Amino acid sequence: IEVQVVSESDAAFIGARTLPNTYVPHASNGYFLNIDSGKGTTDFSILQQKSDLSKFSSLYRDGLPAAGNVITYAYYEALYDFMKSFDIDIHPFFEDASKASLIDFMGLLEELKKQDQPDADLKFVTVPAKGDITNLVSLVQYLINNRGRKIPCAAEYVDRKLTLLVDCLKDSLEHYMKMNKCTFTQVILSGRA
């Protein structure tokens, strides 16, 4: 048995070429950039299609330990600042929290990400009283009661994090492209984030 290991971004490129209803040009000797942004990492590959269209070479790979997790953290920062405006510091809640409470909290942040609409102008409708939130469980309960309401300014936090992520990718790509003077036939975006 022969086993061949490929990077995530190479695998995403192979997957894109084999999925129905996905257009990937068959460019002999063309260069492709595949950016695979998942939950925890953003990986990219520069690949060259060979004249035999069933073969390609992976010319360059790089990645960052950041992707969807960076967006989740941006929501945490927005939530932290929002709660701070009510004189509630959420950091101490995590010190004594159970693992189950932490998992619930992270799941809730993921839900807030999915439900947050950039164009919506919603605010939390109930303001927490200073003594109402005493531990992580009560914080999670507060968030559940206000689920679907936008964290004020969350989009700004996300935008800043994404700008940093894109700038890091851009720097790495520009370095390779200057050295090898290549242009891309197609850019393929894949992954969860």
Protein backbone atom coordinates (compact mmCIF):
# COMPACT_ATOMS: atom_id res chain seq x y z
CA ILE A 1 0.00 0.00 0.00
CA GLU A 2 1.32 3.39 -0.97
CA VAL A 3 0.26 6.33 1.17
CA GLN A 4 0.81 9.93 0.18
CA VAL A 5 0.34 12.82 2.59
CA VAL A 6 -0.67 16.26 1.33
CA SER A 7 -1.18 19.58 3.09
CA GLU A 8 -4.67 20.83 3.96
CA SER A 9 -4.61 23.50 1.28
CA ASP A 10 -3.37 21.01 -1.35
CA ALA A 11 -6.15 18.62 -0.33
CA ALA A 12 -8.69 21.45 -0.66
CA PHE A 13 -7.39 22.13 -4.19
CA ILE A 14 -7.74 18.45 -5.11
CA GLY A 15 -11.24 18.46 -3.62
CA ALA A 16 -12.23 21.56 -5.58
CA ARG A 17 -11.12 19.92 -8.82
CA THR A 18 -13.28 16.87 -8.16
CA LEU A 19 -16.46 18.47 -6.79
CA PRO A 20 -19.40 18.70 -9.17
CA ASN A 21 -20.58 22.25 -9.97
CA THR A 22 -17.19 23.75 -9.06
CA TYR A 23 -15.46 25.52 -11.91
CA VAL A 24 -11.69 25.21 -11.89
CA PRO A 25 -10.09 26.12 -15.22
CA HIS A 26 -7.94 23.44 -16.80
CA ALA A 27 -4.96 25.63 -17.54
CA SER A 28 -1.90 23.80 -18.75
CA ASN A 29 1.06 25.10 -16.73
CA GLY A 30 -1.24 27.61 -14.99
CA TYR A 31 -0.68 28.75 -11.41
CA PHE A 32 -3.38 28.40 -8.78
CA LEU A 33 -3.60 29.91 -5.32
CA ASN A 34 -5.67 27.91 -2.87
CA ILE A 35 -6.48 29.55 0.48
CA ASP A 36 -8.01 27.18 3.02
CA SER A 37 -9.31 28.98 6.10
CA GLY A 38 -10.73 26.65 8.71
CA LYS A 39 -11.63 26.86 12.36
CA GLY A 40 -8.07 27.16 13.65
CA THR A 41 -5.64 27.67 10.77
CA THR A 42 -5.39 29.44 7.45
CA ASP A 43 -3.21 27.55 5.00
CA PHE A 44 -2.41 28.34 1.42
CA SER A 45 -0.71 26.63 -1.45
CA ILE A 46 0.58 27.82 -4.78
CA LEU A 47 0.15 25.00 -7.26
CA GLN A 48 1.08 24.60 -10.90
CA GLN A 49 -1.07 22.54 -13.22
CA LYS A 50 1.04 20.30 -15.46
CA SER A 51 0.46 19.82 -19.18
CA ASP A 52 -1.07 16.47 -18.22
CA LEU A 53 -4.16 18.04 -16.63
CA SER A 54 -4.49 15.27 -14.05
CA LYS A 55 -1.19 16.26 -12.41
CA PHE A 56 0.00 19.29 -10.52
CA SER A 57 2.96 20.41 -8.45
CA SER A 58 2.72 22.11 -5.11
CA LEU A 59 5.28 24.92 -5.38
CA TYR A 60 4.86 26.77 -2.10
CA ARG A 61 2.91 26.32 1.11
CA ASP A 62 2.51 28.52 4.13
CA GLY A 63 -0.02 29.12 6.84
CA LEU A 64 -1.04 30.92 9.96
CA PRO A 65 -2.31 29.55 13.25
CA ALA A 66 -5.37 31.78 12.90
CA ALA A 67 -8.73 31.61 11.16
CA GLY A 68 -12.22 31.17 12.61
CA ASN A 69 -10.72 31.15 16.09
CA VAL A 70 -9.53 34.74 15.52
CA ILE A 71 -13.09 35.80 14.75
CA THR A 72 -14.35 34.01 17.87
CA TYR A 73 -11.74 35.85 19.92
CA ALA A 74 -12.83 39.16 18.36
CA TYR A 75 -16.33 38.44 19.64
CA TYR A 76 -14.89 37.71 23.07
CA GLU A 77 -13.06 41.06 23.06
CA ALA A 78 -16.23 42.88 21.99
CA LEU A 79 -18.20 41.10 24.70
CA TYR A 80 -15.49 41.87 27.28
CA ASP A 81 -15.57 45.59 26.47
CA PHE A 82 -19.37 45.61 26.37
CA MET A 83 -19.64 44.03 29.83
CA LYS A 84 -16.89 46.32 31.12
CA SER A 85 -19.13 49.27 30.27
CA PHE A 86 -21.44 47.91 33.04
CA ASP A 87 -18.47 47.57 35.45
CA ILE A 88 -18.49 43.79 34.99
CA ASP A 89 -15.10 42.18 34.41
CA ILE A 90 -15.67 38.77 32.82
CA HIS A 91 -12.07 37.52 33.19
CA PRO A 92 -12.49 36.30 36.81
CA PHE A 93 -15.45 34.15 35.72
CA PHE A 94 -13.07 31.87 33.83
CA GLU A 95 -10.74 31.19 36.76
CA ASP A 96 -13.16 28.93 38.67
CA ALA A 97 -15.30 27.82 35.73
CA SER A 98 -15.84 24.15 35.04
CA LYS A 99 -14.77 22.70 31.71
CA ALA A 100 -18.45 22.23 30.78
CA SER A 101 -19.16 25.92 31.45
CA LEU A 102 -16.21 26.96 29.30
CA ILE A 103 -17.41 24.72 26.46
CA ASP A 104 -20.92 26.21 26.79
CA PHE A 105 -19.46 29.70 26.67
CA MET A 106 -17.41 28.96 23.53
CA GLY A 107 -20.45 27.38 21.90
CA LEU A 108 -22.43 30.49 22.68
CA LEU A 109 -19.80 32.73 21.07
CA GLU A 110 -19.98 30.52 17.96
CA GLU A 111 -23.79 30.95 17.93
CA LEU A 112 -23.46 34.72 18.31
CA LYS A 113 -21.10 34.74 15.31
CA LYS A 114 -23.66 32.89 13.19
CA GLN A 115 -26.57 35.08 14.23
CA ASP A 116 -24.82 38.45 14.10
CA GLN A 117 -26.03 40.42 11.09
CA PRO A 118 -23.70 43.24 10.03
CA ASP A 119 -26.57 45.45 8.89
CA ALA A 120 -28.73 44.95 11.97
CA ASP A 121 -28.75 47.75 14.51
CA LEU A 122 -29.73 45.70 17.56
CA LYS A 123 -28.48 46.17 21.07
CA PHE A 124 -28.83 43.95 24.13
CA VAL A 125 -32.31 44.74 25.42
CA THR A 126 -31.67 43.97 29.07
CA VAL A 127 -28.84 45.63 30.92
CA PRO A 128 -27.30 43.35 33.55
CA ALA A 129 -27.48 44.59 37.12
CA LYS A 130 -24.07 44.60 38.78
CA GLY A 131 -24.89 41.70 41.14
CA ASP A 132 -26.83 39.61 38.60
CA ILE A 133 -23.76 38.14 36.97
CA THR A 134 -21.62 36.40 39.56
CA ASN A 135 -20.02 33.51 37.66
CA LEU A 136 -19.55 32.11 34.17
CA VAL A 137 -22.85 30.22 34.36
CA SER A 138 -24.77 33.44 35.06
CA LEU A 139 -22.86 35.18 32.26
CA VAL A 140 -23.79 32.38 29.84
CA GLN A 141 -27.40 32.59 31.07
CA TYR A 142 -27.39 36.33 30.41
CA LEU A 143 -26.10 35.76 26.88
CA ILE A 144 -28.66 32.99 26.25
CA ASN A 145 -31.48 35.32 27.37
CA ASN A 146 -30.23 37.93 24.91
CA ARG A 147 -29.28 35.54 22.10
CA GLY A 148 -29.66 36.97 18.65
CA ARG A 149 -28.93 40.49 19.83
CA LYS A 150 -25.87 42.07 18.33
CA ILE A 151 -22.90 42.82 20.54
CA PRO A 152 -22.36 46.55 19.93
CA CYS A 153 -19.30 47.20 17.76
CA ALA A 154 -18.50 43.48 17.29
CA ALA A 155 -18.07 44.09 13.57
CA GLU A 156 -15.24 46.56 14.29
CA TYR A 157 -13.37 43.96 16.37
CA VAL A 158 -13.83 41.31 13.69
CA ASP A 159 -12.73 43.71 10.96
CA ARG A 160 -9.50 44.55 12.82
CA LYS A 161 -8.67 40.85 13.34
CA LEU A 162 -9.40 39.96 9.73
CA THR A 163 -7.30 42.86 8.48
CA LEU A 164 -4.32 41.53 10.46
CA LEU A 165 -4.91 38.01 9.11
CA VAL A 166 -5.14 39.21 5.49
CA ASP A 167 -2.04 41.40 5.88
CA CYS A 168 0.00 38.41 7.10
CA LEU A 169 -1.15 36.28 4.14
CA LYS A 170 -0.48 39.13 1.72
CA ASP A 171 3.09 39.59 3.00
CA SER A 172 3.88 35.91 2.56
CA LEU A 173 2.35 35.78 -0.92
CA GLU A 174 4.06 38.96 -2.13
CA HIS A 175 7.44 37.55 -1.08
CA TYR A 176 6.92 34.39 -3.15
CA MET A 177 5.45 36.22 -6.15
CA LYS A 178 8.32 38.72 -6.32
CA MET A 179 10.88 35.93 -6.27
CA ASN A 180 9.09 33.79 -8.89
CA LYS A 181 7.25 36.36 -11.01
CA CYS A 182 4.07 34.34 -11.35
CA THR A 183 0.44 35.34 -11.76
CA PHE A 184 -2.52 33.18 -10.85
CA THR A 185 -4.97 31.57 -13.23
CA GLN A 186 -7.44 31.28 -10.37
CA VAL A 187 -7.72 31.87 -6.63
CA ILE A 188 -9.71 29.21 -4.81
CA LEU A 189 -11.12 29.89 -1.33
CA SER A 190 -12.05 26.92 0.82
CA GLY A 191 -12.71 26.05 4.44
CA ARG A 192 -15.14 26.87 7.22
CA ALA A 193 -14.06 30.43 7.99
